[in-house]
Amino acid sequence: MPAAESPSPKSRRTAATRPELRLRMRVTVGEAIAVGPGKVALLEAVDEHRSISAAAKALGMSYRRAWLLIDELNRSLKSPAVTTAAGGANGGGTALTEVGHRLIQLYRGIEAQAEQACRAEIGELLALVAR
């Protein structure tokens, strides 16, 4: 009996897997990524959870990875985006600074403006992709 053929790539695509564009903006300093989509997502999670540990868990990353990303981000900026307080009887905590809030606002705003400004070209580009 012949082996069943796997469906062609086109037949495996559904409405849920239609092409979409994702802008992945990064600000680099030398080889280091000072600001990028992962760090912005981490800032948003820290703002929501008020904890590096909880933010890391929500994003599916280790605490160490989240801490290293925040440390790299803070060192890349003129002023820190995140402040932390050590744990204790009342527990620790993590909060975004004004710089952290502004960074998210600017990053997401630039993304939205870029998508809006390039809407027609994005549509043409996506139309070239097999569905």
Protein backbone atom coordinates (compact mmCIF):
# COMPACT_ATOMS: atom_id res chain seq x y z
CA MET A 1 0.00 0.00 0.00
CA PRO A 2 1.52 3.40 -0.91
CA ALA A 3 2.35 5.82 1.87
CA ALA A 4 -0.08 8.65 2.30
CA GLU A 5 1.16 11.86 0.78
CA SER A 6 1.34 14.86 3.02
CA PRO A 7 -0.80 17.79 1.97
CA SER A 8 0.84 20.43 -0.14
CA PRO A 9 1.89 23.62 1.65
CA LYS A 10 -0.97 25.53 0.01
CA SER A 11 -3.61 23.03 1.17
CA ARG A 12 -2.31 23.18 4.76
CA ARG A 13 -2.88 26.92 4.98
CA THR A 14 -6.13 28.11 6.44
CA ALA A 15 -7.63 31.49 7.11
CA ALA A 16 -5.82 31.38 10.46
CA THR A 17 -2.44 31.06 8.74
CA ARG A 18 -2.84 33.72 6.09
CA PRO A 19 0.20 35.93 5.60
CA GLU A 20 0.65 38.86 7.91
CA LEU A 21 3.35 41.46 8.29
CA ARG A 22 5.23 41.91 11.55
CA LEU A 23 7.49 44.89 11.95
CA ARG A 24 10.50 44.04 14.09
CA MET A 25 12.11 47.38 14.84
CA ARG A 26 15.37 47.42 16.77
CA VAL A 27 17.64 50.17 18.07
CA THR A 28 21.23 48.96 18.14
CA VAL A 29 24.35 50.32 19.77
CA GLY A 30 27.25 48.56 18.15
CA GLU A 31 26.34 44.88 18.18
CA ALA A 32 23.99 45.18 21.15
CA ILE A 33 20.23 45.52 20.71
CA ALA A 34 19.40 48.42 23.04
CA VAL A 35 15.65 48.37 22.30
CA GLY A 36 13.69 45.75 20.42
CA PRO A 37 10.37 43.91 20.38
CA GLY A 38 11.34 41.42 23.09
CA LYS A 39 12.49 44.08 25.52
CA VAL A 40 9.39 46.18 24.89
CA ALA A 41 7.16 43.14 25.47
CA LEU A 42 9.06 42.47 28.70
CA LEU A 43 8.57 46.08 29.82
CA GLU A 44 4.83 45.75 29.14
CA ALA A 45 4.71 42.51 31.16
CA VAL A 46 6.66 44.08 34.05
CA ASP A 47 4.23 46.99 34.03
CA GLU A 48 1.30 44.60 34.18
CA HIS A 49 2.69 42.18 36.79
CA ARG A 50 4.94 44.50 38.85
CA SER A 51 7.42 41.64 39.10
CA ILE A 52 10.29 40.45 36.91
CA SER A 53 9.57 36.86 37.90
CA ALA A 54 5.86 37.07 37.03
CA ALA A 55 6.61 38.96 33.81
CA ALA A 56 9.14 36.31 32.79
CA LYS A 57 6.67 33.53 33.53
CA ALA A 58 3.94 35.27 31.51
CA LEU A 59 6.32 35.49 28.54
CA GLY A 60 7.61 31.93 28.88
CA MET A 61 11.19 32.91 29.72
CA SER A 62 13.44 32.29 32.67
CA TYR A 63 13.82 34.85 35.43
CA ARG A 64 17.53 35.04 34.63
CA ARG A 65 16.87 35.83 30.95
CA ALA A 66 14.34 38.52 31.88
CA TRP A 67 16.71 40.04 34.43
CA LEU A 68 19.57 40.09 31.90
CA LEU A 69 17.37 41.78 29.28
CA ILE A 70 16.25 44.44 31.76
CA ASP A 71 19.81 45.00 32.91
CA GLU A 72 21.01 45.36 29.31
CA LEU A 73 18.14 47.74 28.53
CA ASN A 74 18.79 49.89 31.62
CA ARG A 75 22.52 50.08 30.79
CA SER A 76 21.69 51.08 27.20
CA LEU A 77 19.55 54.05 28.21
CA LYS A 78 20.54 57.42 29.66
CA SER A 79 18.14 56.74 32.55
CA PRO A 80 16.78 53.33 33.64
CA ALA A 81 13.45 52.06 32.34
CA VAL A 82 12.90 49.74 35.31
CA THR A 83 13.50 50.07 39.04
CA THR A 84 13.49 47.20 41.51
CA ALA A 85 13.15 46.89 45.26
CA ALA A 86 14.61 43.91 47.10
CA GLY A 87 12.25 41.42 48.68
CA GLY A 88 11.62 41.35 52.40
CA ALA A 89 8.76 41.24 54.84
CA ASN A 90 6.61 43.24 52.44
CA GLY A 91 8.07 41.58 49.37
CA GLY A 92 10.00 43.26 46.61
CA GLY A 93 8.68 44.87 43.55
CA THR A 94 9.49 46.13 40.12
CA ALA A 95 8.16 49.23 38.44
CA LEU A 96 8.65 51.10 35.23
CA THR A 97 10.11 54.57 35.43
CA GLU A 98 8.80 57.48 33.37
CA VAL A 99 11.48 56.55 30.83
CA GLY A 100 10.14 52.97 30.68
CA HIS A 101 6.59 54.14 30.09
CA ARG A 102 7.72 56.65 27.46
CA LEU A 103 9.86 54.02 25.72
CA ILE A 104 6.83 51.72 25.32
CA GLN A 105 4.68 54.61 24.13
CA LEU A 106 7.25 55.73 21.54
CA TYR A 107 8.03 52.22 20.32
CA ARG A 108 4.37 51.21 19.86
CA GLY A 109 3.55 54.59 18.32
CA ILE A 110 6.35 54.30 15.76
CA GLU A 111 5.16 50.78 14.88
CA ALA A 112 1.60 51.99 14.36
CA GLN A 113 2.66 55.01 12.30
CA ALA A 114 4.95 52.90 10.11
CA GLU A 115 2.18 50.38 9.43
CA GLN A 116 -0.27 53.16 8.63
CA ALA A 117 2.16 55.00 6.35
CA CYS A 118 2.99 51.79 4.44
CA ARG A 119 -0.51 50.26 4.43
CA ALA A 120 -0.82 50.13 0.61
CA GLU A 121 2.66 48.67 0.12
CA ILE A 122 2.10 46.14 2.90
CA GLY A 123 -1.12 45.04 1.17
CA GLU A 124 0.73 44.63 -2.14
CA LEU A 125 3.53 42.70 -0.47
CA LEU A 126 1.14 40.33 1.29
CA ALA A 127 -0.76 39.79 -1.96
CA LEU A 128 2.46 38.36 -3.46
CA VAL A 129 2.67 35.68 -0.78
CA ALA A 130 1.05 32.30 -1.51
CA ARG A 131 -2.04 31.60 0.56
